């Protein structure tokens, strides 16, 4: 596999010009491994592999239109606290689906159907006769579509009651408010989440699940109405 070889070559060359070919020519794999470990300690190789992967991960986020929303909610390669602390599996699943663009919004469904992005409009807004309806993407469905207005208002009221502050403008990462990038990294010693962060996780993941369910129910109703005509 050429890609695998090139990745290994890149990593080994960081250790004083070591190349895989030096060890492929020797018939004794045990001897090869010993010589390689003398020049490249296991912990150093592990750290370099992680660095190369994270660099590739960042590049893929910045270059993929599919991951445009993901890039706004994920800026550190680390475990997300909502995965451990959402109140239910359904809340956690809906949050992950929305954050990773693995959902039934038209911005994603239209991509599979090769529909022009500008034509992947919001079905709910279109049904209201709104001129030039917006694209049905994560930002619109979560933050501005009128079908989720009541859910967002209830969320904001509860959030302000529990935390005494206004919520951020991105519900998909609201639980990270006040946590520095350094504290969110894998090797951080910070203990998270705090009581306030737990509130934010519980409320925001439930909100995303409720909005997602509402959107799916509305789509189903419109489809049934359309088929019955």
C-alpha atoms as a PDB file:
ATOM      1  CA  UNK A   1       0.000   0.000   0.000  1.00  0.00           C
ATOM      2  CA  UNK A   2       1.776   3.122  -1.248  1.00  0.00           C
ATOM      3  CA  UNK A   3      -0.099   5.511   1.056  1.00  0.00           C
ATOM      4  CA  UNK A   4       0.838   3.447   4.110  1.00  0.00           C
ATOM      5  CA  UNK A   5       4.469   3.314   2.981  1.00  0.00           C
ATOM      6  CA  UNK A   6       4.601   7.074   2.388  1.00  0.00           C
ATOM      7  CA  UNK A   7       3.128   7.767   5.843  1.00  0.00           C
ATOM      8  CA  UNK A   8       5.653   5.469   7.532  1.00  0.00           C
ATOM      9  CA  UNK A   9       8.447   7.033   5.490  1.00  0.00           C
ATOM     10  CA  UNK A  10       7.388  10.531   6.604  1.00  0.00           C
ATOM     11  CA  UNK A  11       7.351   9.492  10.263  1.00  0.00           C
ATOM     12  CA  UNK A  12      10.722   7.679  10.186  1.00  0.00           C
ATOM     13  CA  UNK A  13      12.458  10.507   8.371  1.00  0.00           C
ATOM     14  CA  UNK A  14      11.793  12.670  11.409  1.00  0.00           C
ATOM     15  CA  UNK A  15      14.328  10.550  13.290  1.00  0.00           C
ATOM     16  CA  UNK A  16      17.596  11.544  11.728  1.00  0.00           C
ATOM     17  CA  UNK A  17      16.859  10.558   8.137  1.00  0.00           C
ATOM     18  CA  UNK A  18      15.844   6.953   8.874  1.00  0.00           C
ATOM     19  CA  UNK A  19      14.024   5.384   5.901  1.00  0.00           C
ATOM     20  CA  UNK A  20      11.999   2.159   5.616  1.00  0.00           C
ATOM     21  CA  UNK A  21      14.271   0.888   2.812  1.00  0.00           C
ATOM     22  CA  UNK A  22      17.121   0.515   5.304  1.00  0.00           C
ATOM     23  CA  UNK A  23      15.144  -2.204   7.077  1.00  0.00           C
ATOM     24  CA  UNK A  24      13.404  -3.835   4.143  1.00  0.00           C
ATOM     25  CA  UNK A  25      16.693  -4.994   2.627  1.00  0.00           C
ATOM     26  CA  UNK A  26      17.750  -7.066   5.631  1.00  0.00           C
ATOM     27  CA  UNK A  27      16.351 -10.611   5.720  1.00  0.00           C
ATOM     28  CA  UNK A  28      16.143 -10.711   9.524  1.00  0.00           C
ATOM     29  CA  UNK A  29      12.955  -8.934  10.593  1.00  0.00           C
ATOM     30  CA  UNK A  30      13.888  -9.317  14.277  1.00  0.00           C
ATOM     31  CA  UNK A  31      17.239  -7.628  13.701  1.00  0.00           C
ATOM     32  CA  UNK A  32      15.556  -4.935  11.645  1.00  0.00           C
ATOM     33  CA  UNK A  33      13.084  -4.166  14.408  1.00  0.00           C
ATOM     34  CA  UNK A  34      15.874  -3.974  16.981  1.00  0.00           C
ATOM     35  CA  UNK A  35      17.913  -1.561  14.905  1.00  0.00           C
ATOM     36  CA  UNK A  36      14.845   0.526  14.197  1.00  0.00           C
ATOM     37  CA  UNK A  37      13.929   0.803  17.872  1.00  0.00           C
ATOM     38  CA  UNK A  38      17.472   1.906  18.734  1.00  0.00           C
ATOM     39  CA  UNK A  39      17.032   4.912  16.465  1.00  0.00           C
ATOM     40  CA  UNK A  40      13.304   5.471  16.964  1.00  0.00           C
ATOM     41  CA  UNK A  41      11.991   4.834  20.532  1.00  0.00           C
ATOM     42  CA  UNK A  42       8.437   3.484  20.696  1.00  0.00           C
ATOM     43  CA  UNK A  43       7.076   6.489  22.598  1.00  0.00           C
ATOM     44  CA  UNK A  44       8.616   8.889  20.094  1.00  0.00           C
ATOM     45  CA  UNK A  45       7.130   6.944  17.167  1.00  0.00           C
ATOM     46  CA  UNK A  46       3.725   6.879  18.884  1.00  0.00           C
ATOM     47  CA  UNK A  47       3.840  10.639  19.432  1.00  0.00           C
ATOM     48  CA  UNK A  48       4.848  11.259  15.824  1.00  0.00           C
ATOM     49  CA  UNK A  49       2.082   8.999  14.477  1.00  0.00           C
ATOM     50  CA  UNK A  50      -0.437  10.983  16.528  1.00  0.00           C
ATOM     51  CA  UNK A  51       0.953  14.300  15.271  1.00  0.00           C
ATOM     52  CA  UNK A  52       0.814  13.170  11.638  1.00  0.00           C
ATOM     53  CA  UNK A  53      -2.750  11.902  12.041  1.00  0.00           C
ATOM     54  CA  UNK A  54      -3.958  15.118  13.697  1.00  0.00           C
ATOM     55  CA  UNK A  55      -2.326  17.181  10.960  1.00  0.00           C
ATOM     56  CA  UNK A  56      -4.128  15.078   8.344  1.00  0.00           C
ATOM     57  CA  UNK A  57      -7.380  15.350  10.320  1.00  0.00           C
ATOM     58  CA  UNK A  58      -7.181  19.146  10.408  1.00  0.00           C
ATOM     59  CA  UNK A  59      -6.397  19.308   6.699  1.00  0.00           C
ATOM     60  CA  UNK A  60      -9.413  17.130   5.834  1.00  0.00           C
ATOM     61  CA  UNK A  61     -11.740  19.315   7.925  1.00  0.00           C
ATOM     62  CA  UNK A  62     -10.540  22.509   6.290  1.00  0.00           C
ATOM     63  CA  UNK A  63     -10.743  21.136   2.748  1.00  0.00           C
ATOM     64  CA  UNK A  64     -14.106  19.325   2.834  1.00  0.00           C
ATOM     65  CA  UNK A  65     -17.359  21.161   2.138  1.00  0.00           C
ATOM     66  CA  UNK A  66     -19.236  18.284   3.828  1.00  0.00           C
ATOM     67  CA  UNK A  67     -17.405  19.095   7.064  1.00  0.00           C
ATOM     68  CA  UNK A  68     -18.059  22.839   6.992  1.00  0.00           C
ATOM     69  CA  UNK A  69     -20.352  22.667  10.051  1.00  0.00           C
ATOM     70  CA  UNK A  70     -18.103  20.149  11.818  1.00  0.00           C
ATOM     71  CA  UNK A  71     -15.203  22.601  11.525  1.00  0.00           C
ATOM     72  CA  UNK A  72     -17.205  25.157  13.541  1.00  0.00           C
ATOM     73  CA  UNK A  73     -17.879  22.771  16.440  1.00  0.00           C
ATOM     74  CA  UNK A  74     -14.686  20.713  16.533  1.00  0.00           C
ATOM     75  CA  UNK A  75     -11.321  22.441  16.756  1.00  0.00           C
ATOM     76  CA  UNK A  76      -9.374  20.062  19.001  1.00  0.00           C
ATOM     77  CA  UNK A  77      -8.664  16.361  18.502  1.00  0.00           C
ATOM     78  CA  UNK A  78     -10.007  15.173  21.821  1.00  0.00           C
ATOM     79  CA  UNK A  79     -12.820  13.223  23.447  1.00  0.00           C
ATOM     80  CA  UNK A  80     -16.013  15.250  23.699  1.00  0.00           C
ATOM     81  CA  UNK A  81     -17.640  15.297  27.170  1.00  0.00           C
ATOM     82  CA  UNK A  82     -21.174  15.047  25.758  1.00  0.00           C
ATOM     83  CA  UNK A  83     -20.361  11.468  24.701  1.00  0.00           C
ATOM     84  CA  UNK A  84     -20.118  10.477  28.361  1.00  0.00           C
ATOM     85  CA  UNK A  85     -22.636  12.816  29.929  1.00  0.00           C
ATOM     86  CA  UNK A  86     -25.649  13.197  27.626  1.00  0.00           C
ATOM     87  CA  UNK A  87     -28.721  12.018  29.515  1.00  0.00           C
ATOM     88  CA  UNK A  88     -29.691   9.386  26.967  1.00  0.00           C
ATOM     89  CA  UNK A  89     -28.368   7.398  24.033  1.00  0.00           C
ATOM     90  CA  UNK A  90     -30.864   9.159  21.749  1.00  0.00           C
ATOM     91  CA  UNK A  91     -29.629  12.606  22.813  1.00  0.00           C
ATOM     92  CA  UNK A  92     -26.031  11.530  22.255  1.00  0.00           C
ATOM     93  CA  UNK A  93     -26.795   9.953  18.874  1.00  0.00           C
ATOM     94  CA  UNK A  94     -28.705  12.977  17.560  1.00  0.00           C
ATOM     95  CA  UNK A  95     -25.932  15.315  18.701  1.00  0.00           C
ATOM     96  CA  UNK A  96     -23.259  13.211  16.991  1.00  0.00           C
ATOM     97  CA  UNK A  97     -25.299  12.946  13.796  1.00  0.00           C
ATOM     98  CA  UNK A  98     -25.807  16.699  13.566  1.00  0.00           C
ATOM     99  CA  UNK A  99     -22.212  17.554  14.443  1.00  0.00           C
ATOM    100  CA  UNK A 100     -20.859  15.080  11.857  1.00  0.00           C
ATOM    101  CA  UNK A 101     -23.455  15.890   9.156  1.00  0.00           C
ATOM    102  CA  UNK A 102     -24.822  12.341   9.211  1.00  0.00           C
ATOM    103  CA  UNK A 103     -28.489  13.340   9.167  1.00  0.00           C
ATOM    104  CA  UNK A 104     -31.580  13.785   6.971  1.00  0.00           C
ATOM    105  CA  UNK A 105     -31.293  17.510   6.304  1.00  0.00           C
ATOM    106  CA  UNK A 106     -31.501  18.515   2.661  1.00  0.00           C
ATOM    107  CA  UNK A 107     -27.952  19.854   2.642  1.00  0.00           C
ATOM    108  CA  UNK A 108     -26.786  16.250   3.084  1.00  0.00           C
ATOM    109  CA  UNK A 109     -29.542  14.324   1.293  1.00  0.00           C
ATOM    110  CA  UNK A 110     -29.170  16.633  -1.702  1.00  0.00           C
ATOM    111  CA  UNK A 111     -25.476  15.872  -1.861  1.00  0.00           C
ATOM    112  CA  UNK A 112     -26.219  12.187  -2.466  1.00  0.00           C
ATOM    113  CA  UNK A 113     -28.831  13.065  -5.074  1.00  0.00           C
ATOM    114  CA  UNK A 114     -26.401  15.492  -6.763  1.00  0.00           C
ATOM    115  CA  UNK A 115     -28.765  18.412  -6.269  1.00  0.00           C
ATOM    116  CA  UNK A 116     -27.154  21.846  -6.542  1.00  0.00           C
ATOM    117  CA  UNK A 117     -26.394  23.136  -3.044  1.00  0.00           C
ATOM    118  CA  UNK A 118     -28.424  26.317  -3.559  1.00  0.00           C
ATOM    119  CA  UNK A 119     -31.482  24.155  -4.295  1.00  0.00           C
ATOM    120  CA  UNK A 120     -31.285  22.095  -1.086  1.00  0.00           C
ATOM    121  CA  UNK A 121     -33.733  24.421   0.590  1.00  0.00           C
ATOM    122  CA  UNK A 122     -35.623  24.071   3.857  1.00  0.00           C
ATOM    123  CA  UNK A 123     -38.859  22.147   3.345  1.00  0.00           C
ATOM    124  CA  UNK A 124     -40.565  23.799   6.293  1.00  0.00           C
ATOM    125  CA  UNK A 125     -39.737  27.341   5.151  1.00  0.00           C
ATOM    126  CA  UNK A 126     -40.741  26.452   1.589  1.00  0.00           C
ATOM    127  CA  UNK A 127     -44.096  25.163   2.823  1.00  0.00           C
ATOM    128  CA  UNK A 128     -44.722  28.561   4.436  1.00  0.00           C
ATOM    129  CA  UNK A 129     -44.249  30.273   1.111  1.00  0.00           C
ATOM    130  CA  UNK A 130     -41.132  32.146   2.222  1.00  0.00           C
ATOM    131  CA  UNK A 131     -39.435  33.749  -0.824  1.00  0.00           C
ATOM    132  CA  UNK A 132     -35.950  32.352  -1.517  1.00  0.00           C
ATOM    133  CA  UNK A 133     -36.063  29.833   1.353  1.00  0.00           C
ATOM    134  CA  UNK A 134     -32.686  29.203   3.009  1.00  0.00           C
ATOM    135  CA  UNK A 135     -30.607  26.061   2.581  1.00  0.00           C
ATOM    136  CA  UNK A 136     -31.697  23.354   5.009  1.00  0.00           C
ATOM    137  CA  UNK A 137     -28.373  22.916   6.796  1.00  0.00           C
ATOM    138  CA  UNK A 138     -27.297  22.467  10.412  1.00  0.00           C
ATOM    139  CA  UNK A 139     -27.027  26.161  11.217  1.00  0.00           C
ATOM    140  CA  UNK A 140     -30.461  26.933   9.810  1.00  0.00           C
ATOM    141  CA  UNK A 141     -32.285  23.990  11.414  1.00  0.00           C
ATOM    142  CA  UNK A 142     -30.638  24.465  14.820  1.00  0.00           C
ATOM    143  CA  UNK A 143     -30.534  28.218  15.094  1.00  0.00           C
ATOM    144  CA  UNK A 144     -33.045  29.999  12.893  1.00  0.00           C
ATOM    145  CA  UNK A 145     -35.759  27.812  11.339  1.00  0.00           C
ATOM    146  CA  UNK A 146     -39.154  28.799  12.732  1.00  0.00           C
ATOM    147  CA  UNK A 147     -40.204  25.181  13.306  1.00  0.00           C
ATOM    148  CA  UNK A 148     -37.722  24.963  16.185  1.00  0.00           C
ATOM    149  CA  UNK A 149     -38.449  28.390  17.700  1.00  0.00           C
ATOM    150  CA  UNK A 150     -40.450  27.112  20.693  1.00  0.00           C
ATOM    151  CA  UNK A 151     -37.808  24.498  21.529  1.00  0.00           C
ATOM    152  CA  UNK A 152     -35.014  27.082  21.319  1.00  0.00           C
ATOM    153  CA  UNK A 153     -36.898  29.541  23.534  1.00  0.00           C
ATOM    154  CA  UNK A 154     -37.500  26.895  26.207  1.00  0.00           C
ATOM    155  CA  UNK A 155     -33.858  25.885  26.028  1.00  0.00           C
ATOM    156  CA  UNK A 156     -32.656  29.487  26.454  1.00  0.00           C
ATOM    157  CA  UNK A 157     -34.948  30.037  29.437  1.00  0.00           C
ATOM    158  CA  UNK A 158     -33.724  26.883  31.209  1.00  0.00           C
ATOM    159  CA  UNK A 159     -30.097  27.595  30.337  1.00  0.00           C
ATOM    160  CA  UNK A 160     -30.210  31.137  31.711  1.00  0.00           C
ATOM    161  CA  UNK A 161     -32.005  29.956  34.842  1.00  0.00           C
ATOM    162  CA  UNK A 162     -29.358  27.292  35.544  1.00  0.00           C
ATOM    163  CA  UNK A 163     -26.234  29.193  34.498  1.00  0.00           C
ATOM    164  CA  UNK A 164     -27.218  32.878  34.891  1.00  0.00           C
ATOM    165  CA  UNK A 165     -25.800  33.744  31.454  1.00  0.00           C
ATOM    166  CA  UNK A 166     -26.824  33.955  27.816  1.00  0.00           C
ATOM    167  CA  UNK A 167     -26.169  30.835  25.709  1.00  0.00           C
ATOM    168  CA  UNK A 168     -23.709  31.011  22.827  1.00  0.00           C
ATOM    169  CA  UNK A 169     -24.882  31.178  19.235  1.00  0.00           C
ATOM    170  CA  UNK A 170     -23.853  27.597  18.429  1.00  0.00           C
ATOM    171  CA  UNK A 171     -25.848  25.022  20.386  1.00  0.00           C
ATOM    172  CA  UNK A 172     -23.711  22.155  19.083  1.00  0.00           C
ATOM    173  CA  UNK A 173     -20.707  23.285  21.134  1.00  0.00           C
ATOM    174  CA  UNK A 174     -22.284  25.341  23.896  1.00  0.00           C
ATOM    175  CA  UNK A 175     -21.022  22.994  26.625  1.00  0.00           C
ATOM    176  CA  UNK A 176     -17.433  24.001  25.756  1.00  0.00           C
ATOM    177  CA  UNK A 177     -17.913  27.606  26.831  1.00  0.00           C
ATOM    178  CA  UNK A 178     -15.313  28.619  29.363  1.00  0.00           C
ATOM    179  CA  UNK A 179     -13.042  25.632  28.655  1.00  0.00           C
ATOM    180  CA  UNK A 180      -9.750  26.616  27.048  1.00  0.00           C
ATOM    181  CA  UNK A 181      -8.364  24.618  24.073  1.00  0.00           C
ATOM    182  CA  UNK A 182      -5.460  23.500  26.286  1.00  0.00           C
ATOM    183  CA  UNK A 183      -7.817  22.023  28.877  1.00  0.00           C
ATOM    184  CA  UNK A 184      -9.679  20.048  26.208  1.00  0.00           C
ATOM    185  CA  UNK A 185      -6.669  18.260  24.789  1.00  0.00           C
ATOM    186  CA  UNK A 186      -6.166  14.549  25.347  1.00  0.00           C
ATOM    187  CA  UNK A 187      -3.261  14.938  27.780  1.00  0.00           C
ATOM    188  CA  UNK A 188      -4.959  17.611  29.888  1.00  0.00           C
ATOM    189  CA  UNK A 189      -5.213  17.005  33.646  1.00  0.00           C
ATOM    190  CA  UNK A 190      -8.347  19.141  33.948  1.00  0.00           C
ATOM    191  CA  UNK A 191     -11.352  17.320  35.384  1.00  0.00           C
ATOM    192  CA  UNK A 192     -14.465  18.004  33.295  1.00  0.00           C
ATOM    193  CA  UNK A 193     -17.287  18.656  33.281  1.00  0.00           C
ATOM    194  CA  UNK A 194     -18.204  21.093  36.022  1.00  0.00           C
ATOM    195  CA  UNK A 195     -21.771  21.337  37.329  1.00  0.00           C
ATOM    196  CA  UNK A 196     -22.503  24.203  34.933  1.00  0.00           C
ATOM    197  CA  UNK A 197     -21.003  22.293  32.006  1.00  0.00           C
ATOM    198  CA  UNK A 198     -23.167  19.288  32.852  1.00  0.00           C
ATOM    199  CA  UNK A 199     -26.256  21.483  32.654  1.00  0.00           C
ATOM    200  CA  UNK A 200     -25.119  22.719  29.251  1.00  0.00           C
ATOM    201  CA  UNK A 201     -24.517  19.158  28.012  1.00  0.00           C
ATOM    202  CA  UNK A 202     -27.890  17.902  29.207  1.00  0.00           C
ATOM    203  CA  UNK A 203     -29.828  20.839  27.791  1.00  0.00           C
ATOM    204  CA  UNK A 204     -28.020  21.211  24.457  1.00  0.00           C
ATOM    205  CA  UNK A 205     -27.999  17.509  23.555  1.00  0.00           C
ATOM    206  CA  UNK A 206     -31.691  17.234  24.423  1.00  0.00           C
ATOM    207  CA  UNK A 207     -32.395  20.326  22.309  1.00  0.00           C
ATOM    208  CA  UNK A 208     -30.619  18.853  19.284  1.00  0.00           C
ATOM    209  CA  UNK A 209     -32.469  15.568  19.679  1.00  0.00           C
ATOM    210  CA  UNK A 210     -35.835  17.359  19.983  1.00  0.00           C
ATOM    211  CA  UNK A 211     -35.173  19.607  16.972  1.00  0.00           C
ATOM    212  CA  UNK A 212     -34.005  16.648  14.907  1.00  0.00           C
ATOM    213  CA  UNK A 213     -37.137  14.643  15.799  1.00  0.00           C
ATOM    214  CA  UNK A 214     -39.353  17.614  15.009  1.00  0.00           C
ATOM    215  CA  UNK A 215     -37.703  18.059  11.612  1.00  0.00           C
ATOM    216  CA  UNK A 216     -38.070  14.359  10.743  1.00  0.00           C
ATOM    217  CA  UNK A 217     -41.714  14.309  11.837  1.00  0.00           C
ATOM    218  CA  UNK A 218     -42.445  17.405   9.780  1.00  0.00           C
ATOM    219  CA  UNK A 219     -40.755  15.896   6.705  1.00  0.00           C
ATOM    220  CA  UNK A 220     -42.793  12.708   7.103  1.00  0.00           C
ATOM    221  CA  UNK A 221     -46.044  14.667   7.399  1.00  0.00           C
ATOM    222  CA  UNK A 222     -45.281  16.698   4.266  1.00  0.00           C
ATOM    223  CA  UNK A 223     -44.390  13.547   2.343  1.00  0.00           C
ATOM    224  CA  UNK A 224     -47.651  11.844   3.333  1.00  0.00           C
ATOM    225  CA  UNK A 225     -49.663  14.939   2.407  1.00  0.00           C
ATOM    226  CA  UNK A 226     -47.915  15.147  -0.942  1.00  0.00           C
ATOM    227  CA  UNK A 227     -48.559  11.465  -1.721  1.00  0.00           C
ATOM    228  CA  UNK A 228     -52.246  11.736  -0.785  1.00  0.00           C
ATOM    229  CA  UNK A 229     -52.933  14.534  -3.271  1.00  0.00           C
END
